[in-house]
Amino acid sequence: MNRRSFLFNSILAGAGYSLLNDSCSPARITGNHYEVPADLQEKMYTAALRIAKNKIRGGPGDPVYKKPFVDAAFSPNIFYWDTCFIASYAKYHPAELPIANALDNFYNRMEDDGFISREYTRDGKTMWPKDHPVSVNPPLLAFAELELYGQLNDAERLKRVYPFLHKHFQFLLTHYRMDDHLFFSDAFGSGMDNIPRYPDGWQDDGQGIKLHNLYPEIFNYDGLSPAWNKQGRSVDFSSQMALFAENLVSIARIIHQQEHVTEYRRVYEETKKAVNELCWSDADGFYYDLGYGKQIRRKHIGMFWTLMAGLVPEVRINRMLKHLTNPGEFWRTIPVPSYPADQPGFSKEGSYWLGSVWAPTNYMVLRGLQRYHQQKTASKLAKQYYWAVAEVYKQTGSFFENYAPDAVAKGNQSRPDFCGWTGLVPIAIFREFIKQ
């Protein structure tokens, strides 16, 4: 069961999707080059923008969210990391897609100690208990703010949101950082809902933080996953917190606020050192999460957050990229699956995070490759992924929540019209990696 639980088999039939007419040229492969013609590129861009605009909600008539905001709109609730990734394409159309208001929805609900929930109900209440890591999403608000600043150059906004970002950073540092300078998290809270994070064969030992579901009649998160948290260390969350610290340094520099910069830099360097000393497997050339201080040899796309955060030493980049570009692991028909093909439990159809290809994580990988000047690999990934999304759009007229790794098709658990974060592909990835 996942947060977007619904009757997948009925979605397309109920929505009335049909093939596009032949006035749109087909995408094609020429040799090893994935080509999408200009007219299809334009149709996709226009359609994604239209879908995203149709999902704007809130305003004076809303009892809670008083300003219009762009939203994933697959639920009455609002979602933290969905909103942050929407910022990466809404930044190009801020007048049409009110993304700043969407981010402000989370600041407006921040508690005095800096807690911001990963999900709020239509009534503006947290969906998840504050005392359990299921309530915490990838902490990307500072990243989202820098995305907006890069387009709008609005330093006044950064000055206004910086105190919220600093306090939120301190909350996460206080509650989720351990003595080894790594961070623990929850599988569901990580955003990668159904990837198991505990070691194979593990049984609940009672050492984790216990979960009490606030809305069990809506969603009852149970089993082993919510029991596994403090016992482990997460490469993805640790990398995201390092990125958060680095982003705060950048914001502080822009607004001439230097008071906490030394602390941010210290957290970044200590986290980088811990990830590389404790989570790197020299035998496998890859990073792994920890359980009880030992590496859990399970690969997933979350390990590539180390690239975006700049944690990978140059001498290790090529070994990391061998996993990324290996067709037997992450480089499938549609790259990059959330769970690699050599992992037990990998699903060729996707099965949500057990193999599906997701826009936010692919965008994260692209930005990480860009950071390490791996332009050739980034270009190849962007073109192949964009081409596959174009092919499915050509067949269905829609953009999906995720895509199947081993077929040019939507994922088997995937909603249509998902702009939402899949708008990253026809807008942000197009503008940043495809457009000439």
Protein backbone atom coordinates (compact mmCIF):
# COMPACT_ATOMS: atom_id res chain seq x y z
CA MET A 1 0.00 0.00 0.00
CA ASN A 2 1.37 3.47 -0.86
CA ARG A 3 0.43 7.06 -0.22
CA ARG A 4 -1.29 7.35 -3.59
CA SER A 5 -3.36 4.21 -3.10
CA PHE A 6 -6.05 3.87 -5.75
CA LEU A 7 -7.52 1.47 -8.28
CA PHE A 8 -4.75 1.63 -10.86
CA ASN A 9 -6.56 -0.47 -13.42
CA SER A 10 -9.47 1.92 -13.64
CA ILE A 11 -7.63 5.22 -13.92
CA LEU A 12 -7.04 5.40 -17.65
CA ALA A 13 -10.46 4.09 -18.58
CA GLY A 14 -12.14 6.54 -16.27
CA ALA A 15 -10.06 9.46 -17.51
CA GLY A 16 -10.85 8.76 -21.15
CA TYR A 17 -7.30 8.86 -22.55
CA SER A 18 -6.82 8.14 -26.24
CA LEU A 19 -4.08 8.21 -28.85
CA LEU A 20 -2.93 11.55 -30.16
CA ASN A 21 -3.60 12.28 -33.80
CA ASP A 22 -0.95 11.79 -36.43
CA SER A 23 -0.23 15.50 -36.78
CA CYS A 24 2.51 15.02 -34.19
CA SER A 25 5.71 13.51 -35.55
CA PRO A 26 6.85 10.24 -33.92
CA ALA A 27 9.90 10.16 -31.69
CA ARG A 28 12.59 7.92 -33.12
CA ILE A 29 15.96 6.34 -32.40
CA THR A 30 18.74 7.04 -34.90
CA GLY A 31 21.68 4.83 -34.09
CA ASN A 32 22.30 5.48 -30.40
CA HIS A 33 20.70 8.93 -30.52
CA TYR A 34 17.22 9.34 -29.08
CA GLU A 35 15.47 12.06 -31.04
CA VAL A 36 12.21 13.81 -30.27
CA PRO A 37 11.04 16.19 -33.02
CA ALA A 38 10.46 19.84 -32.25
CA ASP A 39 6.70 19.70 -32.71
CA LEU A 40 6.37 16.92 -30.13
CA GLN A 41 8.67 18.77 -27.75
CA GLU A 42 6.43 21.81 -28.02
CA LYS A 43 3.25 19.79 -27.51
CA MET A 44 4.70 18.17 -24.40
CA TYR A 45 5.86 21.45 -22.91
CA THR A 46 2.53 23.14 -23.54
CA ALA A 47 0.57 20.18 -22.18
CA ALA A 48 2.67 19.95 -19.01
CA LEU A 49 2.22 23.64 -18.32
CA ARG A 50 -1.52 23.36 -18.90
CA ILE A 51 -1.85 20.37 -16.56
CA ALA A 52 0.18 22.09 -13.84
CA LYS A 53 -1.92 25.26 -14.14
CA ASN A 54 -5.08 23.17 -13.81
CA LYS A 55 -3.79 21.88 -10.48
CA ILE A 56 -3.51 25.31 -8.88
CA ARG A 57 -5.68 25.50 -5.78
CA GLY A 58 -6.13 27.56 -2.63
CA GLY A 59 -6.97 31.25 -2.44
CA PRO A 60 -9.21 33.57 -0.40
CA GLY A 61 -12.08 31.06 -0.39
CA ASP A 62 -9.95 28.25 1.03
CA PRO A 63 -10.31 27.98 4.84
CA VAL A 64 -6.61 27.05 5.29
CA TYR A 65 -4.48 27.81 2.23
CA LYS A 66 -5.32 31.46 1.62
CA LYS A 67 -3.16 32.07 -1.43
CA PRO A 68 -3.29 30.21 -4.78
CA PHE A 69 -0.51 27.64 -5.08
CA VAL A 70 0.65 25.06 -7.58
CA ASP A 71 0.20 21.54 -6.25
CA ALA A 72 0.73 17.90 -7.16
CA ALA A 73 -3.04 17.56 -6.61
CA PHE A 74 -3.23 13.79 -6.45
CA SER A 75 -4.63 14.21 -2.93
CA PRO A 76 -6.34 16.90 -0.84
CA ASN A 77 -3.12 16.92 1.20
CA ILE A 78 0.07 18.84 0.40
CA PHE A 79 3.47 17.14 0.20
CA TYR A 80 6.89 18.53 1.09
CA TRP A 81 9.30 16.96 -1.38
CA ASP A 82 6.81 16.94 -4.24
CA THR A 83 6.52 20.70 -3.82
CA CYS A 84 10.29 21.17 -3.70
CA PHE A 85 10.77 19.31 -6.98
CA ILE A 86 7.86 21.14 -8.61
CA ALA A 87 9.92 24.26 -7.90
CA SER A 88 12.57 23.03 -10.31
CA TYR A 89 10.26 23.55 -13.27
CA ALA A 90 7.81 26.10 -11.87
CA LYS A 91 10.82 28.42 -11.52
CA TYR A 92 10.53 29.03 -15.28
CA HIS A 93 6.88 30.14 -15.02
CA PRO A 94 6.46 31.78 -11.60
CA ALA A 95 3.68 34.11 -12.75
CA GLU A 96 1.61 31.19 -14.03
CA LEU A 97 2.61 28.61 -11.42
CA PRO A 98 2.58 30.19 -7.93
CA ILE A 99 5.33 28.03 -6.48
CA ALA A 100 6.48 30.53 -3.83
CA ASN A 101 3.05 30.32 -2.21
CA ALA A 102 3.30 26.52 -2.28
CA LEU A 103 6.60 26.65 -0.38
CA ASP A 104 5.19 29.21 2.03
CA ASN A 105 2.46 26.73 2.97
CA PHE A 106 5.13 24.70 4.75
CA TYR A 107 6.85 27.65 6.45
CA ASN A 108 3.46 28.84 7.68
CA ARG A 109 2.96 25.52 9.46
CA MET A 110 6.41 25.20 10.96
CA GLU A 111 6.31 24.67 14.72
CA ASP A 112 8.37 26.73 17.15
CA ASP A 113 11.14 24.12 17.31
CA GLY A 114 11.54 23.98 13.51
CA PHE A 115 9.44 20.90 12.77
CA ILE A 116 7.87 20.87 9.30
CA SER A 117 5.82 17.82 8.43
CA ARG A 118 6.24 16.08 5.12
CA GLU A 119 2.46 16.06 4.62
CA TYR A 120 -0.38 18.29 5.77
CA THR A 121 -4.08 17.58 5.48
CA ARG A 122 -6.62 19.85 3.82
CA ASP A 123 -7.18 21.24 7.33
CA GLY A 124 -3.52 22.20 7.63
CA LYS A 125 -2.70 19.51 10.20
CA THR A 126 0.24 17.14 10.08
CA MET A 127 -0.65 13.74 8.67
CA TRP A 128 2.17 12.08 10.63
CA PRO A 129 3.37 12.17 14.24
CA LYS A 130 6.21 14.55 14.95
CA ASP A 131 8.05 12.04 17.14
CA HIS A 132 8.57 9.51 14.32
CA PRO A 133 10.81 9.93 11.23
CA VAL A 134 7.92 9.00 8.94
CA SER A 135 6.98 12.68 9.35
CA VAL A 136 10.20 13.84 7.65
CA ASN A 137 10.72 14.07 3.88
CA PRO A 138 13.97 14.78 2.03
CA PRO A 139 14.82 18.28 3.35
CA LEU A 140 14.95 20.19 0.07
CA LEU A 141 13.36 23.54 0.93
CA ALA A 142 16.67 25.41 0.72
CA PHE A 143 17.39 23.73 -2.61
CA ALA A 144 13.96 24.81 -3.87
CA GLU A 145 14.54 28.38 -2.75
CA LEU A 146 17.85 28.52 -4.61
CA GLU A 147 16.10 27.17 -7.69
CA LEU A 148 13.73 30.14 -7.56
CA TYR A 149 16.54 32.59 -6.81
CA GLY A 150 18.47 31.37 -9.84
CA GLN A 151 15.62 32.58 -12.06
CA LEU A 152 14.17 35.51 -10.15
CA ASN A 153 17.20 36.92 -8.29
CA ASP A 154 14.90 37.75 -5.38
CA ALA A 155 17.24 38.20 -2.43
CA GLU A 156 14.43 39.72 -0.35
CA ARG A 157 12.57 36.42 -0.45
CA LEU A 158 15.72 34.59 0.70
CA LYS A 159 16.02 37.02 3.61
CA ARG A 160 12.43 36.30 4.59
CA VAL A 161 12.62 32.50 4.44
CA TYR A 162 16.15 32.07 5.82
CA PRO A 163 15.07 32.05 9.51
CA PHE A 164 12.59 29.26 8.73
CA LEU A 165 15.23 27.26 6.87
CA HIS A 166 17.79 27.68 9.66
CA LYS A 167 15.36 26.60 12.37
CA HIS A 168 14.18 23.62 10.28
CA PHE A 169 17.80 22.57 9.72
CA GLN A 170 18.46 22.74 13.46
CA PHE A 171 15.41 20.58 14.19
CA LEU A 172 16.59 17.84 11.82
CA LEU A 173 20.14 18.08 13.13
CA THR A 174 18.97 17.74 16.72
CA HIS A 175 16.58 14.83 16.19
CA TYR A 176 18.09 12.73 13.40
CA ARG A 177 21.87 13.11 13.54
CA MET A 178 23.71 10.44 15.48
CA ASP A 179 27.13 10.38 17.16
CA ASP A 180 28.75 8.95 14.03
CA HIS A 181 27.66 12.12 12.14
CA LEU A 182 25.24 10.16 9.96
CA PHE A 183 21.45 10.51 9.91
CA PHE A 184 18.69 7.95 10.31
CA SER A 185 15.32 8.05 8.58
CA ASP A 186 12.20 6.07 7.78
CA ALA A 187 11.49 4.19 4.54
CA PHE A 188 8.16 5.89 3.92
CA GLY A 189 9.40 9.26 5.08
CA SER A 190 12.35 9.01 2.68
CA GLY A 191 9.85 9.28 -0.18
CA MET A 192 10.88 5.91 -1.60
CA ASP A 193 7.84 4.34 -0.07
CA ASN A 194 8.20 0.59 -0.50
CA ILE A 195 11.96 0.06 -0.75
CA PRO A 196 12.89 -1.97 2.35
CA ARG A 197 15.64 -0.31 4.37
CA TYR A 198 16.20 -2.91 7.08
CA PRO A 199 18.67 -5.82 6.67
CA ASP A 200 17.48 -9.04 5.06
CA GLY A 201 15.92 -11.34 7.63
CA TRP A 202 15.58 -8.62 10.25
CA GLN A 203 12.80 -8.88 12.82
CA ASP A 204 11.58 -6.02 14.99
CA ASP A 205 13.85 -5.82 18.02
CA GLY A 206 12.02 -2.94 19.66
CA GLN A 207 14.99 -0.58 19.40
CA GLY A 208 13.37 1.78 16.92
CA ILE A 209 11.06 4.72 17.53
CA LYS A 210 7.51 3.40 17.73
CA LEU A 211 4.88 4.76 15.38
CA HIS A 212 1.34 5.71 16.31
CA ASN A 213 -0.65 6.46 13.17
CA LEU A 214 -2.63 9.68 13.47
CA TYR A 215 -5.16 8.75 10.78
CA PRO A 216 -5.29 4.93 10.67
CA GLU A 217 -8.71 5.06 9.03
CA ILE A 218 -7.06 6.81 6.05
CA PHE A 219 -3.64 5.18 6.02
CA ASN A 220 -2.31 2.59 8.42
CA TYR A 221 1.47 2.37 8.02
CA ASP A 222 2.55 -0.84 9.72
CA GLY A 223 4.86 -3.86 9.40
CA LEU A 224 8.63 -3.86 9.71
CA SER A 225 9.41 -0.59 7.91
CA PRO A 226 8.07 1.82 10.57
CA ALA A 227 9.95 -0.16 13.23
CA TRP A 228 13.32 0.35 11.47
CA ASN A 229 14.82 3.81 11.97
CA LYS A 230 17.35 4.54 14.74
CA GLN A 231 18.97 1.16 14.18
CA GLY A 232 20.11 2.31 10.74
CA ARG A 233 21.84 5.13 8.92
CA SER A 234 20.62 6.44 5.56
CA VAL A 235 23.00 7.49 2.81
CA ASP A 236 20.24 9.44 1.06
CA PHE A 237 19.10 11.42 4.11
CA SER A 238 22.69 12.04 5.22
CA SER A 239 23.55 13.34 1.74
CA GLN A 240 20.41 15.49 1.66
CA MET A 241 21.34 17.03 5.00
CA ALA A 242 24.83 17.78 3.68
CA LEU A 243 23.20 19.41 0.66
CA PHE A 244 20.90 21.37 2.99
CA ALA A 245 23.94 22.66 4.89
CA GLU A 246 25.69 23.62 1.66
CA ASN A 247 22.57 25.36 0.34
CA LEU A 248 22.30 27.34 3.58
CA VAL A 249 25.89 28.52 3.11
CA SER A 250 24.94 29.76 -0.35
CA ILE A 251 21.82 31.55 0.92
CA ALA A 252 23.71 33.09 3.83
CA ARG A 253 26.31 34.46 1.42
CA ILE A 254 23.64 35.99 -0.84
CA ILE A 255 21.85 37.75 2.02
CA HIS A 256 25.08 38.64 3.90
CA GLN A 257 24.14 36.61 6.95
CA GLN A 258 27.31 34.91 8.18
CA GLU A 259 26.39 34.00 11.76
CA HIS A 260 25.83 30.26 11.20
CA VAL A 261 28.04 29.60 8.18
CA THR A 262 30.84 27.96 10.17
CA GLU A 263 28.35 25.50 11.67
CA TYR A 264 26.86 24.67 8.26
CA ARG A 265 30.31 24.01 6.82
CA ARG A 266 31.26 21.85 9.78
CA VAL A 267 28.12 19.71 9.39
CA TYR A 268 28.78 19.36 5.67
CA GLU A 269 32.38 18.25 6.12
CA GLU A 270 31.63 15.90 9.01
CA THR A 271 28.79 14.28 7.08
CA LYS A 272 30.93 13.92 3.97
CA LYS A 273 33.70 12.28 6.00
CA ALA A 274 31.29 9.88 7.73
CA VAL A 275 29.53 8.84 4.49
CA ASN A 276 32.85 8.07 2.84
CA GLU A 277 34.43 6.30 5.79
CA LEU A 278 31.44 4.25 6.91
CA CYS A 279 29.13 3.79 3.91
CA TRP A 280 31.53 3.30 1.00
CA SER A 281 32.29 -0.29 -0.02
CA ASP A 282 35.65 -0.42 -1.74
CA ALA A 283 34.92 -4.00 -2.76
CA ASP A 284 31.73 -3.02 -4.61
CA GLY A 285 32.52 0.57 -5.57
CA PHE A 286 29.22 1.79 -4.14
CA TYR A 287 27.68 3.37 -1.05
CA TYR A 288 25.40 1.44 1.28
CA ASP A 289 23.08 2.27 4.15
CA LEU A 290 24.07 0.99 7.58
CA GLY A 291 22.32 -1.22 10.09
CA TYR A 292 23.81 -1.56 13.57
CA GLY A 293 26.99 -0.05 12.19
CA LYS A 294 27.36 -2.56 9.35
CA GLN A 295 26.74 -1.99 5.66
CA ILE A 296 23.45 -3.26 4.26
CA ARG A 297 24.42 -4.40 0.79
CA ARG A 298 21.26 -3.29 -0.92
CA LYS A 299 21.45 -0.85 -3.82
CA HIS A 300 18.85 1.81 -4.55
CA ILE A 301 18.74 5.14 -6.31
CA GLY A 302 19.06 7.02 -3.03
CA MET A 303 22.81 6.40 -3.08
CA PHE A 304 23.19 8.85 -5.98
CA TRP A 305 22.29 11.75 -3.69
CA THR A 306 25.99 11.60 -2.83
CA LEU A 307 26.66 13.01 -6.31
CA MET A 308 24.25 15.91 -6.05
CA ALA A 309 25.62 16.78 -2.60
CA GLY A 310 29.20 16.64 -3.85
CA LEU A 311 30.25 13.98 -1.36
CA VAL A 312 31.93 11.56 -3.77
CA PRO A 313 35.72 11.93 -4.06
CA GLU A 314 36.89 12.25 -7.64
CA VAL A 315 38.78 8.95 -7.40
CA ARG A 316 35.48 7.14 -6.77
CA ILE A 317 33.33 8.74 -9.47
CA ASN A 318 34.10 6.24 -12.23
CA ARG A 319 33.27 3.28 -10.02
CA MET A 320 29.94 4.85 -9.06
CA LEU A 321 29.15 5.55 -12.69
CA LYS A 322 29.83 1.94 -13.66
CA HIS A 323 26.79 0.97 -11.58
CA LEU A 324 24.69 3.77 -13.02
CA THR A 325 25.50 2.90 -16.64
CA ASN A 326 25.39 -0.88 -16.24
CA PRO A 327 22.37 -2.31 -18.16
CA GLY A 328 22.25 -5.13 -15.61
CA GLU A 329 21.68 -2.63 -12.81
CA PHE A 330 20.40 0.94 -13.32
CA TRP A 331 20.62 1.56 -17.08
CA ARG A 332 17.49 -0.22 -18.25
CA THR A 333 15.20 0.41 -21.25
CA ILE A 334 14.16 3.55 -19.40
CA PRO A 335 16.93 4.65 -17.04
CA VAL A 336 17.21 5.10 -14.03
CA PRO A 337 15.06 2.67 -12.00
CA SER A 338 14.66 3.39 -8.32
CA TYR A 339 15.68 -0.20 -7.59
CA PRO A 340 18.30 -1.87 -9.80
CA ALA A 341 17.70 -5.00 -11.84
CA ASP A 342 20.31 -7.06 -9.98
CA GLN A 343 18.49 -6.51 -6.69
CA PRO A 344 16.13 -9.22 -5.39
CA GLY A 345 12.61 -7.85 -5.61
CA PHE A 346 13.24 -5.70 -8.70
CA SER A 347 10.06 -5.25 -10.72
CA LYS A 348 10.19 -4.94 -14.52
CA GLU A 349 6.81 -3.23 -14.43
CA GLY A 350 7.90 -0.81 -11.72
CA SER A 351 5.79 -1.69 -8.66
CA TYR A 352 6.17 1.83 -7.36
CA TRP A 353 9.69 2.22 -5.90
CA LEU A 354 10.78 -1.37 -6.57
CA GLY A 355 11.94 -0.45 -10.05
CA SER A 356 9.86 2.43 -11.41
CA VAL A 357 11.59 5.38 -13.05
CA TRP A 358 10.73 8.66 -11.34
CA ALA A 359 11.19 12.24 -12.55
CA PRO A 360 12.53 13.66 -9.25
CA THR A 361 15.20 11.02 -8.76
CA ASN A 362 16.25 11.15 -12.41
CA TYR A 363 16.51 14.92 -12.14
CA MET A 364 18.60 14.46 -9.00
CA VAL A 365 20.95 12.09 -10.86
CA LEU A 366 21.22 14.54 -13.75
CA ARG A 367 22.10 17.40 -11.43
CA GLY A 368 24.66 15.21 -9.71
CA LEU A 369 26.27 14.27 -13.01
CA GLN A 370 26.30 17.93 -13.96
CA ARG A 371 28.04 18.81 -10.71
CA TYR A 372 30.80 16.33 -11.48
CA HIS A 373 31.14 17.54 -15.09
CA GLN A 374 29.91 14.22 -16.47
CA GLN A 375 28.22 15.94 -19.41
CA LYS A 376 28.35 12.98 -21.77
CA THR A 377 26.57 10.64 -19.36
CA ALA A 378 24.11 13.35 -18.33
CA SER A 379 23.23 14.09 -21.96
CA LYS A 380 22.76 10.40 -22.76
CA LEU A 381 20.52 9.88 -19.72
CA ALA A 382 18.46 12.99 -20.39
CA LYS A 383 17.90 12.12 -24.05
CA GLN A 384 16.98 8.49 -23.46
CA TYR A 385 14.63 9.30 -20.58
CA TYR A 386 13.03 12.27 -22.34
CA TRP A 387 12.54 10.14 -25.47
CA ALA A 388 10.80 7.40 -23.48
CA VAL A 389 8.46 9.90 -21.80
CA ALA A 390 7.74 11.37 -25.25
CA GLU A 391 6.88 7.92 -26.63
CA VAL A 392 4.41 7.26 -23.83
CA TYR A 393 2.97 10.74 -24.26
CA LYS A 394 2.56 10.06 -27.96
CA GLN A 395 0.56 6.92 -27.15
CA THR A 396 -1.54 8.27 -24.28
CA GLY A 397 -1.55 12.06 -24.29
CA SER A 398 -0.46 12.09 -20.66
CA PHE A 399 2.51 12.27 -18.30
CA PHE A 400 2.63 9.63 -15.60
CA GLU A 401 3.68 9.50 -11.98
CA ASN A 402 6.40 7.00 -12.88
CA TYR A 403 7.46 4.73 -15.75
CA ALA A 404 8.32 1.07 -16.18
CA PRO A 405 12.06 0.36 -16.30
CA ASP A 406 11.96 -2.49 -18.82
CA ALA A 407 9.39 -1.24 -21.32
CA VAL A 408 8.53 2.08 -22.90
CA ALA A 409 5.39 2.32 -20.79
CA LYS A 410 3.92 3.86 -17.69
CA GLY A 411 4.67 2.15 -14.39
CA ASN A 412 2.13 -0.44 -13.31
CA GLN A 413 1.26 1.73 -10.29
CA SER A 414 1.18 5.19 -11.79
CA ARG A 415 -1.32 8.02 -12.10
CA PRO A 416 -1.79 10.03 -15.31
CA ASP A 417 -1.61 13.82 -15.72
CA PHE A 418 1.08 13.89 -13.05
CA CYS A 419 2.34 17.46 -13.27
CA GLY A 420 3.11 17.22 -10.27
CA TRP A 421 6.75 16.46 -10.38
CA THR A 422 6.73 14.66 -13.73
CA GLY A 423 6.48 18.18 -15.18
CA LEU A 424 10.24 18.16 -14.59
CA VAL A 425 10.68 16.14 -17.79
CA PRO A 426 8.91 18.21 -20.47
CA ILE A 427 9.91 21.53 -18.86
CA ALA A 428 13.07 21.46 -16.69
CA ILE A 429 14.92 18.52 -18.27
CA PHE A 430 13.97 19.82 -21.70
CA ARG A 431 15.25 23.32 -20.99
CA GLU A 432 18.38 22.28 -19.11
CA PHE A 433 19.53 19.15 -20.94
CA ILE A 434 17.68 18.75 -24.27
CA LYS A 435 17.03 22.14 -25.83
CA GLN A 436 19.78 23.25 -28.15
